[in-house]
Amino acid sequence: MFYLTNKLEFPPVTTSSAEGVVAIGGDLSVERLLLAYKNGIFPWSENDDFLLWWSPDPRMVLYPDSLKISKSLQKKMRTHSFEITHNEAFGEVIRKCADAKRKGQDGSWITEGMIEAYETLHQMGIAESVEVWLEGEMVGGLYGVSMKKVFSGESMFHSVSDASKIAFVHLVEKCKKEQKELIDCQVYTDHLKSLGAEEIPRAKFLTYLK
């Protein structure tokens, strides 16, 4: 396993473990995070003092034109008075994602160090959020890292059924307008598959970053 030092570098993603771990250690500096995303790598760890850097193969992605919106979701979007905003409450979104209870997880990989790092990226215009409001209360949202042709989704949350899906639908619409070629969903989940996401070889995914 490759252990990172103060030197700003990552090993080739082809050296990753079977699970997709590329390297251990390092820091969450802006420079390292940007280098990671440009090379198809992202941090995912429950401890700021023991960072894990991942590049899974295959990679879960969504091509914007492949988005699936169920009839029930279409109806909810028509009949409920949801308000959608972008980058209006990034800090609140990432903290709600960190606090969200997830099946099979006792804690959260969105640590205080991660929150601080991504808020810095947000201030630089690199990390973005989508917020879903209902009667003045934030009930869903997501955040991620925006690159030229790829949006790398990091996490989402909801306190009202389907609110995170509504945030995702609006993210896809935004990506279409910006002519992004795909949304990086990182790893497989049934939730993402239901929205039209699919797994592709890591090598193919990396071509979009080049």
Protein backbone atom coordinates (compact mmCIF):
# COMPACT_ATOMS: atom_id res chain seq x y z
CA MET A 1 0.00 0.00 0.00
CA PHE A 2 1.26 3.47 -0.92
CA TYR A 3 1.72 5.83 2.04
CA LEU A 4 1.56 9.54 1.24
CA THR A 5 4.14 11.99 2.56
CA ASN A 6 4.29 15.77 2.41
CA LYS A 7 5.16 15.42 -1.27
CA LEU A 8 2.20 16.31 -3.47
CA GLU A 9 1.68 13.08 -5.39
CA PHE A 10 -0.48 9.99 -5.83
CA PRO A 11 0.49 6.63 -7.27
CA PRO A 12 -1.18 5.41 -10.48
CA VAL A 13 -4.75 4.35 -9.78
CA THR A 14 -3.98 1.02 -11.42
CA THR A 15 -1.99 0.14 -8.29
CA SER A 16 -5.10 0.31 -6.07
CA SER A 17 -6.29 -2.57 -3.94
CA ALA A 18 -9.15 -4.78 -5.07
CA GLU A 19 -11.50 -2.57 -3.04
CA GLY A 20 -10.19 0.56 -4.74
CA VAL A 21 -7.84 2.04 -2.12
CA VAL A 22 -5.05 3.94 -3.87
CA ALA A 23 -3.16 5.42 -0.93
CA ILE A 24 -3.16 6.08 2.80
CA GLY A 25 -2.29 9.25 4.70
CA GLY A 26 -1.53 12.71 3.41
CA ASP A 27 -3.75 15.70 4.11
CA LEU A 28 -6.87 17.47 2.91
CA SER A 29 -5.16 20.53 1.48
CA VAL A 30 -6.77 22.22 -1.49
CA GLU A 31 -3.80 21.29 -3.67
CA ARG A 32 -4.00 17.59 -2.79
CA LEU A 33 -7.75 17.42 -3.20
CA LEU A 34 -7.60 19.03 -6.64
CA LEU A 35 -4.82 16.68 -7.71
CA ALA A 36 -6.88 13.75 -6.45
CA TYR A 37 -10.04 14.68 -8.35
CA LYS A 38 -8.12 15.36 -11.55
CA ASN A 39 -6.84 11.79 -11.34
CA GLY A 40 -10.12 10.10 -10.44
CA ILE A 41 -9.30 9.77 -6.73
CA PHE A 42 -11.38 10.86 -3.74
CA PRO A 43 -10.99 10.72 0.07
CA TRP A 44 -13.28 8.44 2.04
CA SER A 45 -12.36 7.78 5.64
CA GLU A 46 -13.79 8.01 9.15
CA ASN A 47 -10.64 9.50 10.69
CA ASP A 48 -8.81 12.70 9.73
CA ASP A 49 -5.58 11.17 11.08
CA PHE A 50 -5.85 8.10 8.84
CA LEU A 51 -7.03 9.21 5.42
CA LEU A 52 -7.92 6.67 2.76
CA TRP A 53 -7.88 7.65 -0.93
CA TRP A 54 -10.03 5.70 -3.35
CA SER A 55 -10.45 5.06 -7.06
CA PRO A 56 -12.84 2.10 -7.45
CA ASP A 57 -13.05 -0.05 -10.55
CA PRO A 58 -15.70 -0.14 -11.94
CA ARG A 59 -16.91 3.42 -11.38
CA MET A 60 -20.55 4.37 -10.87
CA VAL A 61 -21.54 7.26 -13.14
CA LEU A 62 -24.62 8.89 -14.58
CA TYR A 63 -24.74 10.23 -18.11
CA PRO A 64 -27.11 13.21 -17.87
CA ASP A 65 -29.32 11.99 -20.71
CA SER A 66 -29.76 8.64 -18.93
CA LEU A 67 -31.54 10.12 -15.90
CA LYS A 68 -34.66 8.15 -14.93
CA ILE A 69 -37.49 9.98 -13.17
CA SER A 70 -40.25 7.71 -11.90
CA LYS A 71 -43.88 8.68 -12.35
CA SER A 72 -44.30 9.02 -8.59
CA LEU A 73 -41.33 11.40 -8.42
CA GLN A 74 -42.67 13.43 -11.34
CA LYS A 75 -45.99 13.74 -9.56
CA LYS A 76 -44.34 14.82 -6.31
CA MET A 77 -42.32 17.47 -8.12
CA ARG A 78 -45.52 18.81 -9.71
CA THR A 79 -47.79 18.74 -6.67
CA HIS A 80 -45.45 19.82 -3.85
CA SER A 81 -44.20 23.38 -3.39
CA PHE A 82 -40.50 22.58 -3.28
CA GLU A 83 -38.05 25.43 -3.76
CA ILE A 84 -34.66 24.60 -5.25
CA THR A 85 -31.52 26.69 -4.75
CA HIS A 86 -27.86 26.31 -5.68
CA ASN A 87 -24.95 27.24 -3.42
CA GLU A 88 -27.20 29.08 -1.00
CA ALA A 89 -26.40 26.98 2.09
CA PHE A 90 -23.37 24.82 1.34
CA GLY A 91 -22.26 24.60 4.97
CA GLU A 92 -25.68 23.49 6.14
CA VAL A 93 -25.92 20.88 3.38
CA ILE A 94 -22.59 19.24 4.14
CA ARG A 95 -23.35 19.15 7.86
CA LYS A 96 -26.76 17.59 7.28
CA CYS A 97 -25.09 15.01 5.05
CA ALA A 98 -22.63 14.29 7.85
CA ASP A 99 -25.46 13.85 10.39
CA ALA A 100 -27.62 11.66 8.14
CA LYS A 101 -28.21 8.14 9.43
CA ARG A 102 -27.21 5.52 6.88
CA LYS A 103 -27.95 1.82 6.90
CA GLY A 104 -24.94 -0.23 8.00
CA GLN A 105 -22.93 2.81 9.15
CA ASP A 106 -22.39 3.78 12.78
CA GLY A 107 -20.59 7.04 12.08
CA SER A 108 -19.90 9.37 9.16
CA TRP A 109 -16.97 9.66 6.79
CA ILE A 110 -17.72 13.40 6.57
CA THR A 111 -15.40 14.44 9.39
CA GLU A 112 -14.72 17.93 10.67
CA GLY A 113 -11.57 17.97 8.57
CA MET A 114 -13.57 17.06 5.48
CA ILE A 115 -16.16 19.73 6.21
CA GLU A 116 -13.50 22.40 6.56
CA ALA A 117 -11.70 21.28 3.40
CA TYR A 118 -14.82 21.23 1.21
CA GLU A 119 -16.06 24.54 2.57
CA THR A 120 -12.74 25.98 1.40
CA LEU A 121 -13.31 24.44 -2.03
CA HIS A 122 -16.78 25.96 -2.02
CA GLN A 123 -15.38 29.41 -1.27
CA MET A 124 -13.13 28.92 -4.31
CA GLY A 125 -16.13 28.08 -6.49
CA ILE A 126 -15.09 24.44 -6.91
CA ALA A 127 -17.42 22.61 -4.52
CA GLU A 128 -21.14 23.20 -5.08
CA SER A 129 -24.43 22.36 -3.40
CA VAL A 130 -28.07 21.97 -4.31
CA GLU A 131 -30.70 22.68 -1.66
CA VAL A 132 -34.34 21.59 -1.52
CA TRP A 133 -36.71 23.62 0.67
CA LEU A 134 -40.26 23.04 1.78
CA GLU A 135 -42.13 25.77 3.65
CA GLY A 136 -38.86 27.51 4.44
CA GLU A 137 -37.11 24.43 5.81
CA MET A 138 -34.26 22.61 4.10
CA VAL A 139 -35.51 19.05 3.55
CA GLY A 140 -32.91 17.70 1.13
CA GLY A 141 -29.71 18.48 -0.66
CA LEU A 142 -26.41 17.31 -2.05
CA TYR A 143 -22.88 18.57 -2.64
CA GLY A 144 -19.91 17.71 -4.79
CA VAL A 145 -16.94 18.93 -6.78
CA SER A 146 -17.46 20.58 -10.15
CA MET A 147 -14.87 20.12 -12.88
CA LYS A 148 -14.97 21.16 -16.53
CA LYS A 149 -16.69 18.06 -17.93
CA VAL A 150 -17.49 16.07 -14.77
CA PHE A 151 -19.42 16.74 -11.58
CA SER A 152 -18.21 14.47 -8.78
CA GLY A 153 -21.06 13.91 -6.34
CA GLU A 154 -20.01 13.47 -2.73
CA SER A 155 -23.09 13.01 -0.57
CA MET A 156 -26.81 13.75 -0.28
CA PHE A 157 -29.45 13.79 2.46
CA HIS A 158 -33.20 14.07 2.90
CA SER A 159 -35.61 14.57 5.78
CA VAL A 160 -38.66 14.37 3.51
CA SER A 161 -39.16 11.39 1.22
CA ASP A 162 -37.61 11.83 -2.25
CA ALA A 163 -36.10 15.24 -1.46
CA SER A 164 -32.58 14.03 -2.24
CA LYS A 165 -33.82 12.63 -5.56
CA ILE A 166 -35.32 16.02 -6.37
CA ALA A 167 -31.96 17.64 -5.61
CA PHE A 168 -30.29 15.12 -7.91
CA VAL A 169 -32.74 15.82 -10.75
CA HIS A 170 -31.96 19.52 -10.55
CA LEU A 171 -28.23 18.79 -10.43
CA VAL A 172 -28.55 16.83 -13.67
CA GLU A 173 -30.44 19.71 -15.29
CA LYS A 174 -27.69 22.10 -14.20
CA CYS A 175 -24.99 19.78 -15.57
CA LYS A 176 -26.79 19.61 -18.92
CA LYS A 177 -26.80 23.39 -19.17
CA GLU A 178 -23.08 23.43 -18.38
CA GLN A 179 -22.47 20.70 -20.98
CA LYS A 180 -20.94 18.31 -18.49
CA GLU A 181 -20.50 14.83 -19.89
CA LEU A 182 -21.18 12.81 -16.78
CA ILE A 183 -21.83 12.84 -13.06
CA ASP A 184 -19.42 10.77 -10.99
CA CYS A 185 -21.41 8.78 -8.43
CA GLN A 186 -18.27 6.90 -7.26
CA VAL A 187 -19.68 3.58 -6.01
CA TYR A 188 -22.74 1.46 -6.73
CA THR A 189 -25.98 1.83 -4.78
CA ASP A 190 -29.48 0.66 -5.67
CA HIS A 191 -30.66 4.25 -5.11
CA LEU A 192 -28.32 5.59 -7.80
CA LYS A 193 -29.12 2.74 -10.19
CA SER A 194 -32.82 3.57 -9.90
CA LEU A 195 -31.99 7.07 -11.14
CA GLY A 196 -30.21 5.75 -14.21
CA ALA A 197 -26.61 5.53 -13.02
CA GLU A 198 -24.43 2.68 -14.29
CA GLU A 199 -21.01 1.17 -13.70
CA ILE A 200 -18.26 1.73 -16.28
CA PRO A 201 -14.59 0.64 -16.30
CA ARG A 202 -12.33 2.97 -14.37
CA ALA A 203 -10.14 3.41 -17.46
CA LYS A 204 -13.12 4.74 -19.40
CA PHE A 205 -14.05 7.09 -16.57
CA LEU A 206 -10.53 8.52 -16.51
CA THR A 207 -10.79 9.51 -20.17
CA TYR A 208 -13.45 12.07 -19.23
CA LEU A 209 -11.04 13.70 -16.76
CA LYS A 210 -8.32 14.09 -19.37
